[in-house]
Amino acid sequence: MEGLRVTRSGNESNRLIKRSSLPDSYPALLHELKQRIRESHVRASVSVNRELVLLYWHIGQDILVRQEREHWGAKVIDRLAADLKEAFPEMKGSRQGISSTCGLRTGLAR
C-alpha cells in the first residue's frame, strides 16, 4: 500500500502512514493546501515581475536623462552594463538589455 513519509526530528526514523488509515477529510485538505501554495507562488511571481518592470523602467529613464543632459554614448552604457553585471552577477541582461530598456522607455514616452 502507498504511504506518506513523515519525518521526525532528532534520531527518530521515518514512518510511513498508510493512506487508508488517514482521516476522510485528509485528501480535501491536501488539495486545498496545494491550491493555496500554487496561488501564492503565482501572486509572488506577478509581484516580482511587476517590481522588475518598474526597476527597468526607472533604469531606462535615468540613462536617457544622462544621455540627453550629459551626452552619454555607447561606451558609457557598455561600462554601466559591465559594472552592474559585476555587482549583480545573478541578474540577467547585458548592454542589449540596457539598450532595450532605454528604447522601451523612449518609445512609450512618445
Protein backbone atom coordinates (compact mmCIF):
# COMPACT_ATOMS: atom_id res chain seq x y z
CA MET A 1 0.00 0.00 0.00
CA GLU A 2 1.23 3.52 -0.86
CA GLY A 3 2.13 5.69 2.10
CA LEU A 4 3.08 9.14 3.18
CA ARG A 5 6.52 9.80 4.68
CA VAL A 6 6.56 11.73 7.94
CA THR A 7 9.95 12.98 9.08
CA ARG A 8 10.59 13.22 12.79
CA SER A 9 13.26 15.40 14.31
CA GLY A 10 16.21 14.00 16.22
CA ASN A 11 17.20 10.38 15.85
CA GLU A 12 13.69 9.05 15.20
CA SER A 13 13.39 7.21 11.92
CA ASN A 14 10.88 7.94 9.20
CA ARG A 15 7.46 6.37 9.47
CA LEU A 16 5.02 5.53 6.72
CA ILE A 17 1.37 6.27 7.31
CA LYS A 18 -0.90 4.26 5.06
CA ARG A 19 -3.33 6.41 3.13
CA SER A 20 -6.10 4.04 4.06
CA SER A 21 -5.62 4.96 7.73
CA LEU A 22 -5.79 8.74 7.15
CA PRO A 23 -8.93 10.69 8.10
CA ASP A 24 -11.55 11.06 5.37
CA SER A 25 -11.03 14.83 5.30
CA TYR A 26 -7.30 14.48 4.56
CA PRO A 27 -7.49 14.44 0.70
CA ALA A 28 -9.63 17.59 0.66
CA LEU A 29 -7.25 19.42 3.00
CA LEU A 30 -4.24 18.31 0.96
CA HIS A 31 -5.91 19.54 -2.25
CA GLU A 32 -6.78 22.88 -0.63
CA LEU A 33 -3.25 23.40 0.70
CA LYS A 34 -1.70 22.55 -2.68
CA GLN A 35 -4.03 25.04 -4.34
CA ARG A 36 -3.16 27.77 -1.83
CA ILE A 37 0.56 27.14 -2.34
CA ARG A 38 0.19 27.32 -6.14
CA GLU A 39 -1.85 30.53 -5.92
CA SER A 40 0.68 32.07 -3.55
CA HIS A 41 3.51 31.20 -5.94
CA VAL A 42 1.64 32.87 -8.80
CA ARG A 43 0.98 36.02 -6.75
CA ALA A 44 4.64 36.16 -5.72
CA SER A 45 5.78 35.78 -9.34
CA VAL A 46 3.44 38.53 -10.51
CA SER A 47 4.68 40.81 -7.74
CA VAL A 48 8.34 40.14 -8.57
CA ASN A 49 7.71 40.71 -12.28
CA ARG A 50 5.93 43.98 -11.57
CA GLU A 51 8.82 45.23 -9.46
CA LEU A 52 11.35 44.24 -12.13
CA VAL A 53 9.40 46.05 -14.85
CA LEU A 54 9.32 49.18 -12.68
CA LEU A 55 13.03 48.83 -11.92
CA TYR A 56 13.96 48.53 -15.61
CA TRP A 57 11.64 51.41 -16.47
CA HIS A 58 13.42 53.67 -13.98
CA ILE A 59 16.87 52.47 -15.07
CA GLY A 60 15.95 53.35 -18.65
CA GLN A 61 14.66 56.74 -17.57
CA ASP A 62 17.83 57.51 -15.60
CA ILE A 63 20.04 56.51 -18.52
CA LEU A 64 18.04 58.52 -21.05
CA VAL A 65 18.26 61.62 -18.86
CA ARG A 66 22.04 61.22 -18.68
CA GLN A 67 22.28 60.62 -22.42
CA GLU A 68 20.38 63.82 -23.14
CA ARG A 69 21.86 66.01 -20.42
CA GLU A 70 25.42 64.68 -20.27
CA HIS A 71 25.67 63.22 -23.79
CA TRP A 72 26.42 59.68 -22.64
CA GLY A 73 27.48 57.46 -25.50
CA ALA A 74 27.59 53.74 -26.19
CA LYS A 75 30.88 53.24 -24.34
CA VAL A 76 29.46 54.68 -21.11
CA ILE A 77 26.41 52.42 -21.45
CA ASP A 78 28.70 49.42 -22.08
CA ARG A 79 30.65 50.27 -18.93
CA LEU A 80 27.47 50.72 -16.90
CA ALA A 81 26.19 47.31 -18.07
CA ALA A 82 29.52 45.65 -17.20
CA ASP A 83 29.65 47.27 -13.75
CA LEU A 84 26.06 46.28 -12.98
CA LYS A 85 26.71 42.72 -14.14
CA GLU A 86 29.77 42.55 -11.86
CA ALA A 87 27.81 43.91 -8.89
CA PHE A 88 24.78 41.67 -9.57
CA PRO A 89 26.01 38.54 -11.39
CA GLU A 90 22.68 36.79 -10.83
CA MET A 91 20.85 39.49 -12.81
CA LYS A 92 20.15 38.63 -16.39
CA GLY A 93 20.81 41.22 -19.01
CA SER A 94 23.60 42.99 -20.79
CA ARG A 95 24.30 46.02 -22.87
CA GLN A 96 21.49 44.91 -25.18
CA GLY A 97 19.16 44.69 -22.19
CA ILE A 98 20.02 48.21 -21.10
CA SER A 99 19.61 49.46 -24.67
CA SER A 100 16.24 47.71 -24.91
CA THR A 101 15.19 49.31 -21.64
CA CYS A 102 16.13 52.73 -22.99
CA GLY A 103 14.35 52.01 -26.27
CA LEU A 104 11.23 50.87 -24.47
CA ARG A 105 11.29 53.99 -22.32
CA THR A 106 11.77 56.25 -25.36
CA GLY A 107 9.03 54.53 -27.33
CA LEU A 108 6.49 54.68 -24.53
CA ALA A 109 7.29 58.30 -23.73
CA ARG A 110 6.25 59.42 -27.23
